[in-house]
Amino acid sequence: MSVAPLAFNINDILSYLPHRYPFLLIDRVVECVPGKTIKAYKNVTVNENFFPGHFPGNPVMPGVLIMEAIAQAGGVMMISALGAKPDRLLLFTGLDKARFRSQVIPGDRLDIECTVLRSRMNIHKMEAKAFVDGKLVAEAELSAAIIDKESN
């Protein structure tokens, strides 16, 4: 039996992630099969706090923040599998095969897709891709560990 994908609004996302402004980097989850796959997005606006310094007159979203947005989407995917109001955190532990294909600029919608490659105990490896207008702009494999909030 297949599971119907879920969608999450910003309030749902806030219940799964500890991140808050200015570091919350996903706006909506359009499709999620908890613990398996996720499709989410971030609306990239000219008002982002990093654009004045990266780069003046030629704003470009830093690659490290694209990877953080990907990691946050992966976090929602994995933590949502634990149920509502989880008492656990997903900590980003590694990044492999990261590639940046194109710039992300104000006005873009950064679409993110993550799929679990494997899970062993509390360690998870995911394949992730980010797109703008259907064009691949970044990709990576990331790993993360689920821990109790108290042990953090």
N, C-alpha and C. Protein backbone atom coordinates (compact mmCIF):
# COMPACT_ATOMS: atom_id res chain seq x y z
N MET A 1 0.84 -1.17 0.00
CA MET A 1 0.00 0.00 0.00
C MET A 1 0.89 1.24 0.00
N SER A 2 0.63 2.18 -0.90
CA SER A 2 1.43 3.40 -0.95
C SER A 2 0.85 4.45 -0.01
N VAL A 3 1.72 5.31 0.46
CA VAL A 3 1.33 6.37 1.38
C VAL A 3 1.11 7.65 0.58
N ALA A 4 0.00 8.33 0.84
CA ALA A 4 -0.27 9.59 0.15
C ALA A 4 0.72 10.65 0.64
N PRO A 5 1.34 11.38 -0.27
CA PRO A 5 2.27 12.44 0.14
C PRO A 5 1.56 13.52 0.95
N LEU A 6 2.29 14.10 1.88
CA LEU A 6 1.78 15.19 2.70
C LEU A 6 2.33 16.51 2.19
N ALA A 7 1.66 17.61 2.53
CA ALA A 7 2.15 18.96 2.25
C ALA A 7 2.23 19.68 3.59
N PHE A 8 3.23 20.55 3.74
CA PHE A 8 3.41 21.28 4.99
C PHE A 8 3.50 22.76 4.71
N ASN A 9 2.78 23.56 5.50
CA ASN A 9 2.91 25.01 5.41
C ASN A 9 4.01 25.46 6.36
N ILE A 10 4.22 26.76 6.45
CA ILE A 10 5.32 27.28 7.26
C ILE A 10 5.16 26.93 8.73
N ASN A 11 3.95 26.90 9.26
CA ASN A 11 3.75 26.54 10.66
C ASN A 11 4.12 25.09 10.93
N ASP A 12 3.80 24.21 9.98
CA ASP A 12 4.21 22.81 10.11
C ASP A 12 5.73 22.71 10.10
N ILE A 13 6.37 23.42 9.17
CA ILE A 13 7.83 23.38 9.06
C ILE A 13 8.46 23.84 10.37
N LEU A 14 7.93 24.91 10.95
CA LEU A 14 8.45 25.41 12.23
C LEU A 14 8.31 24.40 13.36
N SER A 15 7.31 23.52 13.26
CA SER A 15 7.14 22.50 14.31
C SER A 15 8.18 21.37 14.18
N TYR A 16 8.76 21.21 12.99
CA TYR A 16 9.75 20.15 12.77
C TYR A 16 11.20 20.63 12.87
N LEU A 17 11.45 21.90 12.58
CA LEU A 17 12.82 22.42 12.57
C LEU A 17 13.03 23.42 13.70
N PRO A 18 14.22 23.47 14.27
CA PRO A 18 14.52 24.48 15.29
C PRO A 18 14.88 25.83 14.67
N HIS A 19 15.12 25.89 13.38
CA HIS A 19 15.56 27.11 12.71
C HIS A 19 14.48 28.19 12.73
N ARG A 20 14.92 29.43 12.85
CA ARG A 20 14.03 30.58 12.81
C ARG A 20 14.70 31.66 11.98
N TYR A 21 13.94 32.73 11.68
CA TYR A 21 14.48 33.84 10.93
C TYR A 21 15.75 34.34 11.63
N PRO A 22 16.80 34.63 10.90
CA PRO A 22 16.91 34.66 9.44
C PRO A 22 17.46 33.37 8.85
N PHE A 23 17.47 32.29 9.63
CA PHE A 23 18.13 31.08 9.14
C PHE A 23 17.19 29.99 8.68
N LEU A 24 15.90 30.20 8.73
CA LEU A 24 14.96 29.23 8.17
C LEU A 24 14.95 29.43 6.66
N LEU A 25 15.32 28.40 5.91
CA LEU A 25 15.55 28.56 4.47
C LEU A 25 14.62 27.72 3.59
N ILE A 26 13.51 27.25 4.14
CA ILE A 26 12.47 26.66 3.29
C ILE A 26 11.13 27.30 3.67
N ASP A 27 10.30 27.53 2.66
CA ASP A 27 9.04 28.22 2.87
C ASP A 27 7.83 27.29 2.85
N ARG A 28 7.92 26.22 2.07
CA ARG A 28 6.78 25.32 1.94
C ARG A 28 7.27 23.95 1.49
N VAL A 29 6.55 22.93 1.95
CA VAL A 29 6.76 21.57 1.48
C VAL A 29 5.54 21.22 0.65
N VAL A 30 5.76 20.92 -0.63
CA VAL A 30 4.64 20.64 -1.52
C VAL A 30 4.31 19.15 -1.57
N GLU A 31 5.28 18.32 -1.21
CA GLU A 31 5.05 16.88 -1.24
C GLU A 31 6.08 16.20 -0.36
N CYS A 32 5.61 15.37 0.56
CA CYS A 32 6.53 14.65 1.44
C CYS A 32 5.96 13.27 1.78
N VAL A 33 6.78 12.28 1.58
CA VAL A 33 6.52 10.95 2.12
C VAL A 33 7.53 10.82 3.25
N PRO A 34 7.09 11.03 4.50
CA PRO A 34 8.03 11.07 5.62
C PRO A 34 9.00 9.89 5.64
N GLY A 35 10.27 10.24 5.80
CA GLY A 35 11.32 9.23 5.85
C GLY A 35 11.73 8.68 4.50
N LYS A 36 11.15 9.22 3.40
CA LYS A 36 11.45 8.68 2.06
C LYS A 36 11.82 9.76 1.05
N THR A 37 10.89 10.70 0.77
CA THR A 37 11.13 11.74 -0.23
C THR A 37 10.48 13.05 0.22
N ILE A 38 10.99 14.15 -0.37
CA ILE A 38 10.39 15.46 -0.10
C ILE A 38 10.63 16.37 -1.30
N LYS A 39 9.65 17.25 -1.54
CA LYS A 39 9.78 18.35 -2.50
C LYS A 39 9.37 19.60 -1.74
N ALA A 40 10.28 20.56 -1.69
CA ALA A 40 10.05 21.80 -0.95
C ALA A 40 10.58 22.96 -1.77
N TYR A 41 10.30 24.18 -1.30
CA TYR A 41 10.88 25.32 -2.00
C TYR A 41 11.18 26.47 -1.06
N LYS A 42 12.06 27.33 -1.54
CA LYS A 42 12.37 28.60 -0.90
C LYS A 42 12.20 29.69 -1.94
N ASN A 43 11.42 30.71 -1.59
CA ASN A 43 11.31 31.90 -2.44
C ASN A 43 12.49 32.80 -2.10
N VAL A 44 13.33 33.06 -3.06
CA VAL A 44 14.53 33.87 -2.85
C VAL A 44 14.17 35.32 -3.18
N THR A 45 14.23 36.19 -2.17
CA THR A 45 13.85 37.59 -2.37
C THR A 45 15.06 38.50 -2.23
N VAL A 46 14.95 39.68 -2.77
CA VAL A 46 16.04 40.66 -2.69
C VAL A 46 16.25 41.11 -1.24
N ASN A 47 15.29 40.88 -0.38
CA ASN A 47 15.38 41.30 1.03
C ASN A 47 16.16 40.32 1.91
N GLU A 48 16.69 39.25 1.35
CA GLU A 48 17.47 38.29 2.16
C GLU A 48 18.64 39.02 2.82
N ASN A 49 18.93 38.68 4.06
CA ASN A 49 19.95 39.41 4.83
C ASN A 49 21.37 39.20 4.31
N PHE A 50 21.61 38.22 3.46
CA PHE A 50 22.96 37.97 2.95
C PHE A 50 23.27 38.72 1.66
N PHE A 51 22.26 39.20 0.95
CA PHE A 51 22.51 39.82 -0.35
C PHE A 51 23.33 41.12 -0.30
N PRO A 52 23.17 41.98 0.71
CA PRO A 52 23.99 43.20 0.70
C PRO A 52 25.50 42.93 0.66
N GLY A 53 25.93 41.80 1.20
CA GLY A 53 27.36 41.49 1.19
C GLY A 53 27.77 40.43 0.20
N HIS A 54 26.80 39.81 -0.50
CA HIS A 54 27.13 38.69 -1.40
C HIS A 54 26.32 38.81 -2.69
N PHE A 55 26.59 39.57 -3.56
CA PHE A 55 27.65 40.55 -3.71
C PHE A 55 27.01 41.88 -4.01
N PRO A 56 27.55 42.99 -3.47
CA PRO A 56 26.96 44.31 -3.74
C PRO A 56 26.86 44.56 -5.26
N GLY A 57 25.66 44.89 -5.70
CA GLY A 57 25.45 45.17 -7.12
C GLY A 57 25.23 43.94 -7.98
N ASN A 58 25.49 42.75 -7.45
CA ASN A 58 25.31 41.50 -8.19
C ASN A 58 24.92 40.40 -7.20
N PRO A 59 23.71 40.47 -6.62
CA PRO A 59 23.33 39.54 -5.56
C PRO A 59 23.24 38.09 -6.04
N VAL A 60 23.92 37.21 -5.31
CA VAL A 60 23.94 35.78 -5.59
C VAL A 60 23.75 35.04 -4.27
N MET A 61 22.84 34.06 -4.23
CA MET A 61 22.65 33.27 -3.02
C MET A 61 23.89 32.42 -2.79
N PRO A 62 24.51 32.50 -1.61
CA PRO A 62 25.70 31.70 -1.34
C PRO A 62 25.42 30.20 -1.45
N GLY A 63 26.36 29.48 -2.05
CA GLY A 63 26.21 28.04 -2.21
C GLY A 63 26.01 27.32 -0.89
N VAL A 64 26.68 27.77 0.14
CA VAL A 64 26.54 27.13 1.45
C VAL A 64 25.10 27.26 1.96
N LEU A 65 24.41 28.35 1.63
CA LEU A 65 23.02 28.50 2.05
C LEU A 65 22.08 27.66 1.18
N ILE A 66 22.44 27.44 -0.07
CA ILE A 66 21.67 26.50 -0.89
C ILE A 66 21.75 25.11 -0.26
N MET A 67 22.96 24.71 0.15
CA MET A 67 23.13 23.41 0.80
C MET A 67 22.38 23.35 2.13
N GLU A 68 22.36 24.45 2.87
CA GLU A 68 21.61 24.49 4.12
C GLU A 68 20.11 24.34 3.86
N ALA A 69 19.60 24.98 2.81
CA ALA A 69 18.18 24.83 2.47
C ALA A 69 17.87 23.37 2.14
N ILE A 70 18.77 22.74 1.39
CA ILE A 70 18.62 21.31 1.07
C ILE A 70 18.60 20.48 2.35
N ALA A 71 19.54 20.77 3.26
CA ALA A 71 19.63 20.02 4.52
C ALA A 71 18.36 20.22 5.36
N GLN A 72 17.81 21.43 5.37
CA GLN A 72 16.59 21.68 6.13
C GLN A 72 15.41 20.90 5.55
N ALA A 73 15.32 20.84 4.23
CA ALA A 73 14.26 20.03 3.61
C ALA A 73 14.42 18.57 4.00
N GLY A 74 15.66 18.07 3.94
CA GLY A 74 15.92 16.70 4.37
C GLY A 74 15.56 16.49 5.83
N GLY A 75 15.79 17.50 6.65
CA GLY A 75 15.44 17.42 8.06
C GLY A 75 13.95 17.29 8.28
N VAL A 76 13.17 18.07 7.55
CA VAL A 76 11.71 17.96 7.65
C VAL A 76 11.27 16.57 7.21
N MET A 77 11.85 16.06 6.13
CA MET A 77 11.49 14.74 5.63
C MET A 77 11.71 13.66 6.68
N MET A 78 12.87 13.71 7.35
CA MET A 78 13.20 12.66 8.31
C MET A 78 12.49 12.85 9.66
N ILE A 79 12.44 14.07 10.16
CA ILE A 79 11.80 14.32 11.46
C ILE A 79 10.29 14.11 11.37
N SER A 80 9.67 14.43 10.22
CA SER A 80 8.23 14.24 10.09
C SER A 80 7.85 12.77 10.19
N ALA A 81 8.79 11.88 9.89
CA ALA A 81 8.53 10.44 10.02
C ALA A 81 8.38 10.02 11.48
N LEU A 82 8.84 10.86 12.40
CA LEU A 82 8.75 10.55 13.83
C LEU A 82 7.43 10.98 14.45
N GLY A 83 6.61 11.70 13.69
CA GLY A 83 5.32 12.15 14.19
C GLY A 83 5.33 13.61 14.59
N ALA A 84 4.18 14.10 15.05
CA ALA A 84 4.04 15.50 15.42
C ALA A 84 4.82 15.82 16.69
N LYS A 85 5.29 17.06 16.79
CA LYS A 85 6.01 17.57 17.95
C LYS A 85 7.14 16.64 18.38
N PRO A 86 8.05 16.36 17.49
CA PRO A 86 9.12 15.42 17.83
C PRO A 86 10.06 15.98 18.90
N ASP A 87 10.63 15.08 19.69
CA ASP A 87 11.59 15.47 20.72
C ASP A 87 13.01 15.15 20.27
N ARG A 88 13.19 15.08 18.95
CA ARG A 88 14.49 14.76 18.39
C ARG A 88 14.88 15.79 17.34
N LEU A 89 16.17 15.86 17.05
CA LEU A 89 16.73 16.77 16.05
C LEU A 89 17.47 15.98 14.99
N LEU A 90 17.49 16.50 13.80
CA LEU A 90 18.32 15.94 12.74
C LEU A 90 19.51 16.87 12.57
N LEU A 91 20.70 16.35 12.79
CA LEU A 91 21.92 17.14 12.64
C LEU A 91 22.65 16.73 11.38
N PHE A 92 22.98 17.71 10.57
CA PHE A 92 23.72 17.56 9.34
C PHE A 92 25.13 17.07 9.70
N THR A 93 25.56 15.94 9.15
CA THR A 93 26.88 15.38 9.51
C THR A 93 27.86 15.29 8.35
N GLY A 94 27.39 15.42 7.12
CA GLY A 94 28.32 15.32 6.00
C GLY A 94 27.70 15.75 4.69
N LEU A 95 28.59 16.10 3.78
CA LEU A 95 28.21 16.55 2.46
C LEU A 95 29.20 15.95 1.46
N ASP A 96 28.68 15.23 0.49
CA ASP A 96 29.52 14.61 -0.52
C ASP A 96 28.99 14.97 -1.91
N LYS A 97 29.88 14.95 -2.88
CA LYS A 97 29.52 15.14 -4.28
C LYS A 97 28.74 16.43 -4.53
N ALA A 98 29.05 17.48 -3.77
CA ALA A 98 28.36 18.76 -3.95
C ALA A 98 28.81 19.42 -5.25
N ARG A 99 27.86 19.88 -6.01
CA ARG A 99 28.14 20.56 -7.27
C ARG A 99 27.17 21.73 -7.41
N PHE A 100 27.70 22.85 -7.88
CA PHE A 100 26.89 24.03 -8.16
C PHE A 100 26.91 24.25 -9.66
N ARG A 101 25.74 24.30 -10.26
CA ARG A 101 25.62 24.36 -11.71
C ARG A 101 25.26 25.76 -12.24
N SER A 102 24.60 26.54 -11.40
CA SER A 102 24.14 27.85 -11.85
C SER A 102 23.88 28.73 -10.63
N GLN A 103 23.87 30.03 -10.83
CA GLN A 103 23.61 30.97 -9.74
C GLN A 103 22.13 31.01 -9.39
N VAL A 104 21.86 31.33 -8.13
CA VAL A 104 20.51 31.56 -7.64
C VAL A 104 20.47 33.03 -7.23
N ILE A 105 19.50 33.76 -7.79
CA ILE A 105 19.44 35.21 -7.59
C ILE A 105 18.06 35.62 -7.09
N PRO A 106 17.94 36.88 -6.61
CA PRO A 106 16.63 37.35 -6.16
C PRO A 106 15.57 37.16 -7.23
N GLY A 107 14.38 36.74 -6.78
CA GLY A 107 13.27 36.48 -7.70
C GLY A 107 13.13 35.02 -8.07
N ASP A 108 14.19 34.23 -7.82
CA ASP A 108 14.13 32.80 -8.12
C ASP A 108 13.33 32.05 -7.06
N ARG A 109 12.74 30.96 -7.48
CA ARG A 109 12.16 30.01 -6.54
C ARG A 109 13.08 28.79 -6.57
N LEU A 110 13.69 28.49 -5.44
CA LEU A 110 14.60 27.36 -5.32
C LEU A 110 13.78 26.13 -4.95
N ASP A 111 13.61 25.24 -5.91
CA ASP A 111 12.87 23.99 -5.69
C ASP A 111 13.85 22.91 -5.26
N ILE A 112 13.52 22.21 -4.19
CA ILE A 112 14.42 21.23 -3.58
C ILE A 112 13.76 19.86 -3.58
N GLU A 113 14.53 18.85 -3.95
CA GLU A 113 14.06 17.46 -3.89
C GLU A 113 15.11 16.62 -3.16
N CYS A 114 14.66 15.86 -2.19
CA CYS A 114 15.55 14.95 -1.46
C CYS A 114 14.93 13.57 -1.44
N THR A 115 15.78 12.57 -1.54
CA THR A 115 15.36 11.18 -1.47
C THR A 115 16.34 10.43 -0.58
N VAL A 116 15.81 9.61 0.31
CA VAL A 116 16.68 8.82 1.18
C VAL A 116 17.34 7.71 0.36
N LEU A 117 18.65 7.62 0.47
CA LEU A 117 19.40 6.54 -0.18
C LEU A 117 19.48 5.33 0.73
N ARG A 118 19.76 5.60 2.02
CA ARG A 118 19.81 4.50 3.00
C ARG A 118 19.74 5.08 4.40
N SER A 119 19.24 4.23 5.30
CA SER A 119 19.15 4.57 6.71
C SER A 119 19.62 3.38 7.52
N ARG A 120 20.49 3.68 8.48
CA ARG A 120 20.94 2.64 9.42
C ARG A 120 20.91 3.23 10.81
N MET A 121 20.10 2.64 11.65
CA MET A 121 19.89 3.13 13.01
C MET A 121 19.49 4.61 12.95
N ASN A 122 20.30 5.51 13.48
CA ASN A 122 19.93 6.92 13.45
C ASN A 122 20.72 7.73 12.42
N ILE A 123 21.43 7.08 11.50
CA ILE A 123 22.22 7.74 10.47
C ILE A 123 21.51 7.58 9.12
N HIS A 124 21.41 8.69 8.40
CA HIS A 124 20.67 8.69 7.14
C HIS A 124 21.48 9.37 6.04
N LYS A 125 21.46 8.79 4.86
CA LYS A 125 22.14 9.36 3.69
C LYS A 125 21.07 9.69 2.66
N MET A 126 21.15 10.91 2.11
CA MET A 126 20.14 11.40 1.18
C MET A 126 20.78 11.94 -0.09
N GLU A 127 20.07 11.80 -1.18
CA GLU A 127 20.44 12.44 -2.44
C GLU A 127 19.56 13.68 -2.56
N ALA A 128 20.17 14.81 -2.93
CA ALA A 128 19.40 16.05 -2.99
C ALA A 128 19.75 16.84 -4.24
N LYS A 129 18.74 17.51 -4.76
CA LYS A 129 18.91 18.36 -5.93
C LYS A 129 18.10 19.63 -5.73
N ALA A 130 18.64 20.73 -6.27
CA ALA A 130 17.93 22.00 -6.23
C ALA A 130 17.80 22.53 -7.66
N PHE A 131 16.65 23.10 -7.95
CA PHE A 131 16.32 23.57 -9.30
C PHE A 131 15.78 24.99 -9.24
N VAL A 132 15.98 25.73 -10.32
CA VAL A 132 15.30 26.99 -10.56
C VAL A 132 14.71 26.90 -11.95
N ASP A 133 13.40 27.08 -12.04
CA ASP A 133 12.69 26.99 -13.33
C ASP A 133 12.98 25.67 -14.03
N GLY A 134 13.07 24.58 -13.27
CA GLY A 134 13.31 23.27 -13.84
C GLY A 134 14.75 22.96 -14.19
N LYS A 135 15.63 23.93 -14.02
CA LYS A 135 17.05 23.76 -14.35
C LYS A 135 17.83 23.40 -13.07
N LEU A 136 18.62 22.35 -13.14
CA LEU A 136 19.43 21.93 -11.99
C LEU A 136 20.46 23.01 -11.66
N VAL A 137 20.43 23.51 -10.41
CA VAL A 137 21.39 24.53 -9.99
C VAL A 137 22.38 24.01 -8.97
N ALA A 138 22.02 22.95 -8.24
CA ALA A 138 22.93 22.38 -7.24
C ALA A 138 22.49 20.96 -6.92
N GLU A 139 23.47 20.14 -6.50
CA GLU A 139 23.16 18.77 -6.11
C GLU A 139 24.21 18.30 -5.12
N ALA A 140 23.83 17.32 -4.31
CA ALA A 140 24.76 16.76 -3.33
C ALA A 140 24.16 15.51 -2.72
N GLU A 141 25.03 14.77 -2.06
CA GLU A 141 24.59 13.72 -1.15
C GLU A 141 24.90 14.23 0.24
N LEU A 142 23.93 14.13 1.13
CA LEU A 142 24.18 14.59 2.48
C LEU A 142 23.85 13.50 3.47
N SER A 143 24.51 13.57 4.60
CA SER A 143 24.23 12.61 5.66
C SER A 143 23.86 13.38 6.91
N ALA A 144 23.08 12.73 7.76
CA ALA A 144 22.58 13.36 8.97
C ALA A 144 22.32 12.30 10.02
N ALA A 145 22.30 12.74 11.26
CA ALA A 145 22.02 11.84 12.39
C ALA A 145 20.85 12.40 13.18
N ILE A 146 19.99 11.53 13.63
CA ILE A 146 18.88 11.93 14.50
C ILE A 146 19.34 11.72 15.94
N ILE A 147 19.21 12.80 16.73
CA ILE A 147 19.60 12.72 18.15
C ILE A 147 18.46 13.23 19.03
N ASP A 148 18.51 12.88 20.31
CA ASP A 148 17.57 13.45 21.27
C ASP A 148 17.88 14.92 21.46
N LYS A 149 16.86 15.77 21.60
CA LYS A 149 17.09 17.20 21.80
C LYS A 149 17.91 17.47 23.04
N GLU A 150 17.72 16.69 24.09
CA GLU A 150 18.43 16.91 25.34
C GLU A 150 19.93 16.66 25.21
N SER A 151 20.36 15.78 24.30
CA SER A 151 21.77 15.44 24.19
C SER A 151 22.53 16.44 23.34
N ASN A 152 21.82 17.39 22.74
CA ASN A 152 22.47 18.38 21.87
C ASN A 152 23.20 19.42 22.68
